[in-house]
Amino acid sequence: MLKKIQTDLKGVPYPLSFNARKYFGTIQEFEKFNWPKSYLKADIYVNAEVEIVDYGKKPMKAGK
Protein backbone atom coordinates (compact mmCIF):
# COMPACT_ATOMS: atom_id res chain seq x y z
CA MET A 1 0.00 0.00 0.00
CA LEU A 2 2.75 2.47 0.91
CA LYS A 3 4.65 1.73 -2.30
CA LYS A 4 1.49 2.27 -4.39
CA ILE A 5 0.84 5.61 -2.68
CA GLN A 6 4.46 6.57 -3.26
CA THR A 7 4.62 5.62 -6.95
CA ASP A 8 1.12 5.79 -8.41
CA LEU A 9 -0.58 8.45 -6.32
CA LYS A 10 2.57 10.54 -5.69
CA GLY A 11 1.34 11.46 -2.23
CA VAL A 12 2.03 11.06 1.47
CA PRO A 13 -0.32 9.21 3.85
CA TYR A 14 -1.48 11.75 6.45
CA PRO A 15 -0.60 10.14 9.81
CA LEU A 16 2.77 8.81 8.65
CA SER A 17 4.52 12.16 9.01
CA PHE A 18 3.38 12.43 12.63
CA ASN A 19 4.92 9.05 13.41
CA ALA A 20 8.15 9.98 11.60
CA ARG A 21 8.48 13.34 13.35
CA LYS A 22 9.70 11.69 16.59
CA TYR A 23 12.85 10.51 14.80
CA PHE A 24 14.03 14.08 14.18
CA GLY A 25 15.84 16.00 16.91
CA THR A 26 14.05 19.29 16.26
CA ILE A 27 11.11 20.65 14.27
CA GLN A 28 13.62 22.57 12.14
CA GLU A 29 15.31 19.30 11.10
CA PHE A 30 11.92 17.83 10.25
CA GLU A 31 10.99 20.86 8.14
CA LYS A 32 14.40 20.85 6.39
CA PHE A 33 13.86 17.19 5.48
CA ASN A 34 10.85 18.35 3.43
CA TRP A 35 8.66 15.34 4.15
CA PRO A 36 6.35 15.48 1.08
CA LYS A 37 9.27 15.67 -1.38
CA SER A 38 11.59 13.23 0.45
CA TYR A 39 8.87 10.62 0.98
CA LEU A 40 8.50 10.12 -2.76
CA LYS A 41 12.20 9.11 -3.04
CA ALA A 42 12.45 7.14 0.22
CA ASP A 43 13.06 3.40 0.57
CA ILE A 44 10.28 2.04 2.79
CA TYR A 45 10.67 -0.92 5.11
CA VAL A 46 7.76 -2.16 7.23
CA ASN A 47 7.97 -4.49 10.20
CA ALA A 48 4.55 -5.54 11.47
CA GLU A 49 3.83 -7.23 14.78
CA VAL A 50 0.53 -9.11 14.97
CA GLU A 51 -1.03 -10.38 18.16
CA ILE A 52 -4.14 -12.55 18.02
CA VAL A 53 -6.17 -11.75 21.11
CA ASP A 54 -9.34 -13.74 20.42
CA TYR A 55 -10.34 -16.34 17.89
CA GLY A 56 -14.04 -15.57 18.21
CA LYS A 57 -16.88 -18.03 18.56
CA LYS A 58 -17.63 -20.85 16.16
CA PRO A 59 -21.05 -20.32 14.56
CA MET A 60 -23.63 -22.93 15.48
CA LYS A 61 -25.50 -24.73 12.71
CA ALA A 62 -29.30 -24.62 12.69
CA GLY A 63 -30.98 -27.62 14.31
CA LYS A 64 -28.18 -28.48 16.72
C-alpha atoms as a PDB file:
ATOM      1  CA  MET A   1       0.000   0.000   0.000  1.00  0.00           C
ATOM      2  CA  LEU A   2       2.753   2.474   0.906  1.00  0.00           C
ATOM      3  CA  LYS A   3       4.650   1.732  -2.303  1.00  0.00           C
ATOM      4  CA  LYS A   4       1.492   2.268  -4.391  1.00  0.00           C
ATOM      5  CA  ILE A   5       0.835   5.608  -2.677  1.00  0.00           C
ATOM      6  CA  GLN A   6       4.457   6.571  -3.265  1.00  0.00           C
ATOM      7  CA  THR A   7       4.624   5.625  -6.955  1.00  0.00           C
ATOM      8  CA  ASP A   8       1.120   5.785  -8.412  1.00  0.00           C
ATOM      9  CA  LEU A   9      -0.581   8.451  -6.321  1.00  0.00           C
ATOM     10  CA  LYS A  10       2.568  10.541  -5.687  1.00  0.00           C
ATOM     11  CA  GLY A  11       1.344  11.456  -2.226  1.00  0.00           C
ATOM     12  CA  VAL A  12       2.030  11.061   1.469  1.00  0.00           C
ATOM     13  CA  PRO A  13      -0.316   9.206   3.852  1.00  0.00           C
ATOM     14  CA  TYR A  14      -1.484  11.748   6.449  1.00  0.00           C
ATOM     15  CA  PRO A  15      -0.605  10.143   9.814  1.00  0.00           C
ATOM     16  CA  LEU A  16       2.774   8.809   8.647  1.00  0.00           C
ATOM     17  CA  SER A  17       4.520  12.163   9.006  1.00  0.00           C
ATOM     18  CA  PHE A  18       3.377  12.431  12.634  1.00  0.00           C
ATOM     19  CA  ASN A  19       4.924   9.050  13.410  1.00  0.00           C
ATOM     20  CA  ALA A  20       8.152   9.982  11.601  1.00  0.00           C
ATOM     21  CA  ARG A  21       8.479  13.338  13.354  1.00  0.00           C
ATOM     22  CA  LYS A  22       9.696  11.690  16.588  1.00  0.00           C
ATOM     23  CA  TYR A  23      12.855  10.506  14.797  1.00  0.00           C
ATOM     24  CA  PHE A  24      14.031  14.078  14.185  1.00  0.00           C
ATOM     25  CA  GLY A  25      15.839  16.001  16.913  1.00  0.00           C
ATOM     26  CA  THR A  26      14.052  19.294  16.256  1.00  0.00           C
ATOM     27  CA  ILE A  27      11.114  20.646  14.275  1.00  0.00           C
ATOM     28  CA  GLN A  28      13.620  22.570  12.139  1.00  0.00           C
ATOM     29  CA  GLU A  29      15.310  19.299  11.105  1.00  0.00           C
ATOM     30  CA  PHE A  30      11.922  17.829  10.245  1.00  0.00           C
ATOM     31  CA  GLU A  31      10.992  20.862   8.138  1.00  0.00           C
ATOM     32  CA  LYS A  32      14.400  20.849   6.393  1.00  0.00           C
ATOM     33  CA  PHE A  33      13.863  17.188   5.479  1.00  0.00           C
ATOM     34  CA  ASN A  34      10.848  18.352   3.427  1.00  0.00           C
ATOM     35  CA  TRP A  35       8.664  15.342   4.150  1.00  0.00           C
ATOM     36  CA  PRO A  36       6.351  15.481   1.075  1.00  0.00           C
ATOM     37  CA  LYS A  37       9.272  15.666  -1.378  1.00  0.00           C
ATOM     38  CA  SER A  38      11.595  13.231   0.447  1.00  0.00           C
ATOM     39  CA  TYR A  39       8.873  10.620   0.976  1.00  0.00           C
ATOM     40  CA  LEU A  40       8.501  10.121  -2.763  1.00  0.00           C
ATOM     41  CA  LYS A  41      12.198   9.112  -3.038  1.00  0.00           C
ATOM     42  CA  ALA A  42      12.454   7.136   0.219  1.00  0.00           C
ATOM     43  CA  ASP A  43      13.062   3.398   0.571  1.00  0.00           C
ATOM     44  CA  ILE A  44      10.284   2.045   2.786  1.00  0.00           C
ATOM     45  CA  TYR A  45      10.675  -0.920   5.112  1.00  0.00           C
ATOM     46  CA  VAL A  46       7.763  -2.163   7.226  1.00  0.00           C
ATOM     47  CA  ASN A  47       7.973  -4.494  10.199  1.00  0.00           C
ATOM     48  CA  ALA A  48       4.545  -5.540  11.468  1.00  0.00           C
ATOM     49  CA  GLU A  49       3.828  -7.226  14.779  1.00  0.00           C
ATOM     50  CA  VAL A  50       0.532  -9.110  14.967  1.00  0.00           C
ATOM     51  CA  GLU A  51      -1.034 -10.377  18.159  1.00  0.00           C
ATOM     52  CA  ILE A  52      -4.143 -12.549  18.020  1.00  0.00           C
ATOM     53  CA  VAL A  53      -6.169 -11.754  21.106  1.00  0.00           C
ATOM     54  CA  ASP A  54      -9.342 -13.735  20.416  1.00  0.00           C
ATOM     55  CA  TYR A  55     -10.342 -16.338  17.892  1.00  0.00           C
ATOM     56  CA  GLY A  56     -14.040 -15.567  18.207  1.00  0.00           C
ATOM     57  CA  LYS A  57     -16.878 -18.027  18.558  1.00  0.00           C
ATOM     58  CA  LYS A  58     -17.628 -20.846  16.159  1.00  0.00           C
ATOM     59  CA  PRO A  59     -21.046 -20.320  14.558  1.00  0.00           C
ATOM     60  CA  MET A  60     -23.633 -22.927  15.484  1.00  0.00           C
ATOM     61  CA  LYS A  61     -25.504 -24.731  12.713  1.00  0.00           C
ATOM     62  CA  ALA A  62     -29.296 -24.624  12.687  1.00  0.00           C
ATOM     63  CA  GLY A  63     -30.980 -27.623  14.315  1.00  0.00           C
ATOM     64  CA  LYS A  64     -28.178 -28.479  16.718  1.00  0.00           C
END
